[in-house]
Amino acid sequence: DWIAALKHAARHAEHPLNAGLLMES
């Protein structure tokens, strides 16, 4: 599950909506 979440996040890594919240999640 974590690997899937990281893969999804990597697609938008250059332009995250909120970097802090993304890292915490």
PDB file of all heavy atoms in Angstrom:
ATOM      1  N   ASP A   1       0.834  -1.207   0.000  1.00  0.00           N
ATOM      2  CA  ASP A   1       0.000   0.000   0.000  1.00  0.00           C
ATOM      3  C   ASP A   1       0.866   1.255   0.000  1.00  0.00           C
ATOM      4  O   ASP A   1       0.565   2.239  -0.680  1.00  0.00           O
ATOM      5  CB  ASP A   1      -0.922   0.006   1.227  1.00  0.00           C
ATOM      6  CG  ASP A   1      -1.932  -1.133   1.203  1.00  0.00           C
ATOM      7  OD1 ASP A   1      -2.242  -1.617   0.089  1.00  0.00           O
ATOM      8  OD2 ASP A   1      -2.398  -1.536   2.283  1.00  0.00           O
ATOM      9  N   TRP A   2       1.938   1.228   0.780  1.00  0.00           N
ATOM     10  CA  TRP A   2       2.841   2.384   0.830  1.00  0.00           C
ATOM     11  C   TRP A   2       3.533   2.595  -0.514  1.00  0.00           C
ATOM     12  O   TRP A   2       3.642   3.723  -1.003  1.00  0.00           O
ATOM     13  CB  TRP A   2       3.862   2.173   1.947  1.00  0.00           C
ATOM     14  CG  TRP A   2       4.689   3.391   2.261  1.00  0.00           C
ATOM     15  CD1 TRP A   2       4.303   4.698   2.190  1.00  0.00           C
ATOM     16  CD2 TRP A   2       6.052   3.401   2.706  1.00  0.00           C
ATOM     17  NE1 TRP A   2       5.327   5.527   2.579  1.00  0.00           N
ATOM     18  CE2 TRP A   2       6.411   4.768   2.904  1.00  0.00           C
ATOM     19  CE3 TRP A   2       6.983   2.404   2.990  1.00  0.00           C
ATOM     20  CZ2 TRP A   2       7.680   5.138   3.346  1.00  0.00           C
ATOM     21  CZ3 TRP A   2       8.239   2.785   3.450  1.00  0.00           C
ATOM     22  CH2 TRP A   2       8.584   4.129   3.617  1.00  0.00           C
ATOM     23  N   ILE A   3       3.971   1.519  -1.133  1.00  0.00           N
ATOM     24  CA  ILE A   3       4.620   1.605  -2.441  1.00  0.00           C
ATOM     25  C   ILE A   3       3.670   2.205  -3.474  1.00  0.00           C
ATOM     26  O   ILE A   3       4.066   3.055  -4.290  1.00  0.00           O
ATOM     27  CB  ILE A   3       5.114   0.216  -2.886  1.00  0.00           C
ATOM     28  CG1 ILE A   3       6.311  -0.218  -2.028  1.00  0.00           C
ATOM     29  CG2 ILE A   3       5.490   0.211  -4.366  1.00  0.00           C
ATOM     30  CD1 ILE A   3       6.717  -1.664  -2.211  1.00  0.00           C
ATOM     31  N   ALA A   4       2.407   1.802  -3.442  1.00  0.00           N
ATOM     32  CA  ALA A   4       1.421   2.352  -4.379  1.00  0.00           C
ATOM     33  C   ALA A   4       1.212   3.845  -4.145  1.00  0.00           C
ATOM     34  O   ALA A   4       1.123   4.635  -5.091  1.00  0.00           O
ATOM     35  CB  ALA A   4       0.103   1.601  -4.241  1.00  0.00           C
ATOM     36  N   ALA A   5       1.153   4.241  -2.860  1.00  0.00           N
ATOM     37  CA  ALA A   5       0.969   5.658  -2.536  1.00  0.00           C
ATOM     38  C   ALA A   5       2.178   6.485  -2.988  1.00  0.00           C
ATOM     39  O   ALA A   5       2.023   7.600  -3.513  1.00  0.00           O
ATOM     40  CB  ALA A   5       0.744   5.825  -1.039  1.00  0.00           C
ATOM     41  N   LEU A   6       3.377   5.958  -2.807  1.00  0.00           N
ATOM     42  CA  LEU A   6       4.583   6.661  -3.237  1.00  0.00           C
ATOM     43  C   LEU A   6       4.645   6.782  -4.755  1.00  0.00           C
ATOM     44  O   LEU A   6       5.047   7.826  -5.291  1.00  0.00           O
ATOM     45  CB  LEU A   6       5.823   5.929  -2.719  1.00  0.00           C
ATOM     46  CG  LEU A   6       6.069   6.002  -1.208  1.00  0.00           C
ATOM     47  CD1 LEU A   6       7.140   4.992  -0.795  1.00  0.00           C
ATOM     48  CD2 LEU A   6       6.485   7.416  -0.797  1.00  0.00           C
ATOM     49  N   LYS A   7       4.246   5.733  -5.452  1.00  0.00           N
ATOM     50  CA  LYS A   7       4.246   5.777  -6.909  1.00  0.00           C
ATOM     51  C   LYS A   7       3.289   6.847  -7.418  1.00  0.00           C
ATOM     52  O   LYS A   7       3.605   7.590  -8.363  1.00  0.00           O
ATOM     53  CB  LYS A   7       3.849   4.400  -7.459  1.00  0.00           C
ATOM     54  CG  LYS A   7       3.898   4.304  -8.978  1.00  0.00           C
ATOM     55  CD  LYS A   7       3.566   2.892  -9.444  1.00  0.00           C
ATOM     56  CE  LYS A   7       3.627   2.784 -10.962  1.00  0.00           C
ATOM     57  NZ  LYS A   7       3.295   1.401 -11.418  1.00  0.00           N
ATOM     58  N   HIS A   8       2.116   6.942  -6.802  1.00  0.00           N
ATOM     59  CA  HIS A   8       1.143   7.958  -7.197  1.00  0.00           C
ATOM     60  C   HIS A   8       1.689   9.357  -6.901  1.00  0.00           C
ATOM     61  O   HIS A   8       1.584  10.272  -7.735  1.00  0.00           O
ATOM     62  CB  HIS A   8      -0.165   7.740  -6.449  1.00  0.00           C
ATOM     63  CG  HIS A   8      -1.201   8.789  -6.735  1.00  0.00           C
ATOM     64  ND1 HIS A   8      -1.933   8.821  -7.908  1.00  0.00           N
ATOM     65  CD2 HIS A   8      -1.612   9.869  -5.990  1.00  0.00           C
ATOM     66  CE1 HIS A   8      -2.742   9.866  -7.885  1.00  0.00           C
ATOM     67  NE2 HIS A   8      -2.568  10.510  -6.741  1.00  0.00           N
ATOM     68  N   ALA A   9       2.313   9.539  -5.740  1.00  0.00           N
ATOM     69  CA  ALA A   9       2.851  10.847  -5.357  1.00  0.00           C
ATOM     70  C   ALA A   9       3.994  11.271  -6.272  1.00  0.00           C
ATOM     71  O   ALA A   9       4.165  12.469  -6.551  1.00  0.00           O
ATOM     72  CB  ALA A   9       3.323  10.814  -3.907  1.00  0.00           C
ATOM     73  N   ALA A  10       4.773  10.303  -6.753  1.00  0.00           N
ATOM     74  CA  ALA A  10       5.920  10.625  -7.604  1.00  0.00           C
ATOM     75  C   ALA A  10       5.495  11.271  -8.918  1.00  0.00           C
ATOM     76  O   ALA A  10       6.249  12.050  -9.507  1.00  0.00           O
ATOM     77  CB  ALA A  10       6.731   9.361  -7.873  1.00  0.00           C
ATOM     78  N   ARG A  11       4.270  10.972  -9.373  1.00  0.00           N
ATOM     79  CA  ARG A  11       3.798  11.546 -10.643  1.00  0.00           C
ATOM     80  C   ARG A  11       3.623  13.057 -10.543  1.00  0.00           C
ATOM     81  O   ARG A  11       3.688  13.764 -11.551  1.00  0.00           O
ATOM     82  CB  ARG A  11       2.470  10.905 -11.051  1.00  0.00           C
ATOM     83  CG  ARG A  11       2.535   9.406 -11.304  1.00  0.00           C
ATOM     84  CD  ARG A  11       1.265   8.927 -11.992  1.00  0.00           C
ATOM     85  NE  ARG A  11       1.197   7.478 -12.039  1.00  0.00           N
ATOM     86  CZ  ARG A  11       0.409   6.752 -11.264  1.00  0.00           C
ATOM     87  NH1 ARG A  11      -0.404   7.338 -10.397  1.00  0.00           N
ATOM     88  NH2 ARG A  11       0.395   5.428 -11.354  1.00  0.00           N
ATOM     89  N   HIS A  12       3.389  13.551  -9.326  1.00  0.00           N
ATOM     90  CA  HIS A  12       3.143  14.983  -9.134  1.00  0.00           C
ATOM     91  C   HIS A  12       4.195  15.606  -8.221  1.00  0.00           C
ATOM     92  O   HIS A  12       3.956  16.645  -7.620  1.00  0.00           O
ATOM     93  CB  HIS A  12       1.748  15.193  -8.533  1.00  0.00           C
ATOM     94  CG  HIS A  12       0.658  14.430  -9.231  1.00  0.00           C
ATOM     95  ND1 HIS A  12       0.169  14.811 -10.462  1.00  0.00           N
ATOM     96  CD2 HIS A  12       0.010  13.283  -8.902  1.00  0.00           C
ATOM     97  CE1 HIS A  12      -0.764  13.946 -10.845  1.00  0.00           C
ATOM     98  NE2 HIS A  12      -0.868  13.007  -9.921  1.00  0.00           N
ATOM     99  N   ALA A  13       5.352  14.971  -8.137  1.00  0.00           N
ATOM    100  CA  ALA A  13       6.369  15.413  -7.178  1.00  0.00           C
ATOM    101  C   ALA A  13       6.891  16.817  -7.477  1.00  0.00           C
ATOM    102  O   ALA A  13       7.269  17.550  -6.556  1.00  0.00           O
ATOM    103  CB  ALA A  13       7.531  14.421  -7.165  1.00  0.00           C
ATOM    104  N   GLU A  14       6.946  17.196  -8.742  1.00  0.00           N
ATOM    105  CA  GLU A  14       7.478  18.513  -9.096  1.00  0.00           C
ATOM    106  C   GLU A  14       6.516  19.640  -8.729  1.00  0.00           C
ATOM    107  O   GLU A  14       6.927  20.782  -8.545  1.00  0.00           O
ATOM    108  CB  GLU A  14       7.786  18.562 -10.598  1.00  0.00           C
ATOM    109  CG  GLU A  14       8.891  17.628 -11.050  1.00  0.00           C
ATOM    110  CD  GLU A  14      10.267  18.070 -10.587  1.00  0.00           C
ATOM    111  OE1 GLU A  14      10.398  19.241 -10.139  1.00  0.00           O
ATOM    112  OE2 GLU A  14      11.200  17.257 -10.658  1.00  0.00           O
ATOM    113  N   HIS A  15       5.221  19.326  -8.637  1.00  0.00           N
ATOM    114  CA  HIS A  15       4.222  20.369  -8.371  1.00  0.00           C
ATOM    115  C   HIS A  15       3.195  19.886  -7.345  1.00  0.00           C
ATOM    116  O   HIS A  15       2.009  19.781  -7.650  1.00  0.00           O
ATOM    117  CB  HIS A  15       3.515  20.767  -9.674  1.00  0.00           C
ATOM    118  CG  HIS A  15       4.456  21.161 -10.770  1.00  0.00           C
ATOM    119  ND1 HIS A  15       5.127  22.365 -10.781  1.00  0.00           N
ATOM    120  CD2 HIS A  15       4.847  20.496 -11.886  1.00  0.00           C
ATOM    121  CE1 HIS A  15       5.889  22.430 -11.861  1.00  0.00           C
ATOM    122  NE2 HIS A  15       5.740  21.323 -12.547  1.00  0.00           N
ATOM    123  N   PRO A  16       3.628  19.578  -6.113  1.00  0.00           N
ATOM    124  CA  PRO A  16       2.661  19.135  -5.102  1.00  0.00           C
ATOM    125  C   PRO A  16       1.772  20.298  -4.665  1.00  0.00           C
ATOM    126  O   PRO A  16       2.209  21.450  -4.621  1.00  0.00           O
ATOM    127  CB  PRO A  16       3.552  18.664  -3.953  1.00  0.00           C
ATOM    128  CG  PRO A  16       4.800  19.477  -4.103  1.00  0.00           C
ATOM    129  CD  PRO A  16       4.994  19.671  -5.579  1.00  0.00           C
ATOM    130  N   LEU A  17       0.507  19.996  -4.352  1.00  0.00           N
ATOM    131  CA  LEU A  17      -0.405  21.043  -3.898  1.00  0.00           C
ATOM    132  C   LEU A  17       0.045  21.607  -2.559  1.00  0.00           C
ATOM    133  O   LEU A  17       0.002  22.809  -2.319  1.00  0.00           O
ATOM    134  CB  LEU A  17      -1.826  20.496  -3.802  1.00  0.00           C
ATOM    135  CG  LEU A  17      -2.470  20.093  -5.141  1.00  0.00           C
ATOM    136  CD1 LEU A  17      -3.838  19.480  -4.910  1.00  0.00           C
ATOM    137  CD2 LEU A  17      -2.575  21.302  -6.067  1.00  0.00           C
ATOM    138  N   ASN A  18       0.487  20.720  -1.646  1.00  0.00           N
ATOM    139  CA  ASN A  18       0.981  21.147  -0.336  1.00  0.00           C
ATOM    140  C   ASN A  18       2.081  20.179   0.074  1.00  0.00           C
ATOM    141  O   ASN A  18       1.804  19.050   0.504  1.00  0.00           O
ATOM    142  CB  ASN A  18      -0.156  21.152   0.689  1.00  0.00           C
ATOM    143  CG  ASN A  18       0.275  21.756   2.012  1.00  0.00           C
ATOM    144  OD1 ASN A  18       1.306  21.409   2.577  1.00  0.00           O
ATOM    145  ND2 ASN A  18      -0.548  22.676   2.527  1.00  0.00           N
ATOM    146  N   ALA A  19       3.326  20.606  -0.096  1.00  0.00           N
ATOM    147  CA  ALA A  19       4.465  19.712   0.146  1.00  0.00           C
ATOM    148  C   ALA A  19       4.502  19.209   1.586  1.00  0.00           C
ATOM    149  O   ALA A  19       4.774  18.030   1.833  1.00  0.00           O
ATOM    150  CB  ALA A  19       5.769  20.426  -0.192  1.00  0.00           C
ATOM    151  N   GLY A  20       4.210  20.086   2.538  1.00  0.00           N
ATOM    152  CA  GLY A  20       4.262  19.684   3.939  1.00  0.00           C
ATOM    153  C   GLY A  20       3.261  18.603   4.275  1.00  0.00           C
ATOM    154  O   GLY A  20       3.599  17.596   4.912  1.00  0.00           O
ATOM    155  N   LEU A  21       2.018  18.793   3.840  1.00  0.00           N
ATOM    156  CA  LEU A  21       0.985  17.788   4.105  1.00  0.00           C
ATOM    157  C   LEU A  21       1.283  16.478   3.391  1.00  0.00           C
ATOM    158  O   LEU A  21       1.028  15.395   3.927  1.00  0.00           O
ATOM    159  CB  LEU A  21      -0.387  18.326   3.672  1.00  0.00           C
ATOM    160  CG  LEU A  21      -0.992  19.415   4.558  1.00  0.00           C
ATOM    161  CD1 LEU A  21      -2.314  19.888   3.964  1.00  0.00           C
ATOM    162  CD2 LEU A  21      -1.203  18.902   5.983  1.00  0.00           C
ATOM    163  N   LEU A  22       1.838  16.579   2.170  1.00  0.00           N
ATOM    164  CA  LEU A  22       2.173  15.368   1.419  1.00  0.00           C
ATOM    165  C   LEU A  22       3.219  14.555   2.159  1.00  0.00           C
ATOM    166  O   LEU A  22       3.090  13.332   2.302  1.00  0.00           O
ATOM    167  CB  LEU A  22       2.680  15.742   0.023  1.00  0.00           C
ATOM    168  CG  LEU A  22       3.137  14.578  -0.863  1.00  0.00           C
ATOM    169  CD1 LEU A  22       1.981  13.634  -1.155  1.00  0.00           C
ATOM    170  CD2 LEU A  22       3.761  15.091  -2.156  1.00  0.00           C
ATOM    171  N   MET A  23       4.265  15.225   2.652  1.00  0.00           N
ATOM    172  CA  MET A  23       5.316  14.519   3.376  1.00  0.00           C
ATOM    173  C   MET A  23       4.777  13.879   4.657  1.00  0.00           C
ATOM    174  O   MET A  23       5.099  12.739   4.981  1.00  0.00           O
ATOM    175  CB  MET A  23       6.463  15.469   3.718  1.00  0.00           C
ATOM    176  CG  MET A  23       7.331  15.870   2.537  1.00  0.00           C
ATOM    177  SD  MET A  23       8.156  14.466   1.730  1.00  0.00           S
ATOM    178  CE  MET A  23       7.081  14.219   0.314  1.00  0.00           C
ATOM    179  N   GLU A  24       3.937  14.607   5.382  1.00  0.00           N
ATOM    180  CA  GLU A  24       3.363  14.052   6.605  1.00  0.00           C
ATOM    181  C   GLU A  24       2.531  12.808   6.302  1.00  0.00           C
ATOM    182  O   GLU A  24       2.603  11.807   7.028  1.00  0.00           O
ATOM    183  CB  GLU A  24       2.489  15.110   7.289  1.00  0.00           C
ATOM    184  CG  GLU A  24       3.284  16.228   7.942  1.00  0.00           C
ATOM    185  CD  GLU A  24       2.379  17.262   8.599  1.00  0.00           C
ATOM    186  OE1 GLU A  24       1.152  17.009   8.681  1.00  0.00           O
ATOM    187  OE2 GLU A  24       2.885  18.314   9.018  1.00  0.00           O
ATOM    188  N   SER A  25       1.751  12.867   5.219  1.00  0.00           N
ATOM    189  CA  SER A  25       0.904  11.731   4.853  1.00  0.00           C
ATOM    190  C   SER A  25       1.743  10.514   4.462  1.00  0.00           C
ATOM    191  O   SER A  25       1.484   9.389   4.910  1.00  0.00           O
ATOM    192  CB  SER A  25      -0.027  12.129   3.710  1.00  0.00           C
ATOM    193  OG  SER A  25      -0.733  11.016   3.215  1.00  0.00           O
TER     194      SER A  25
END
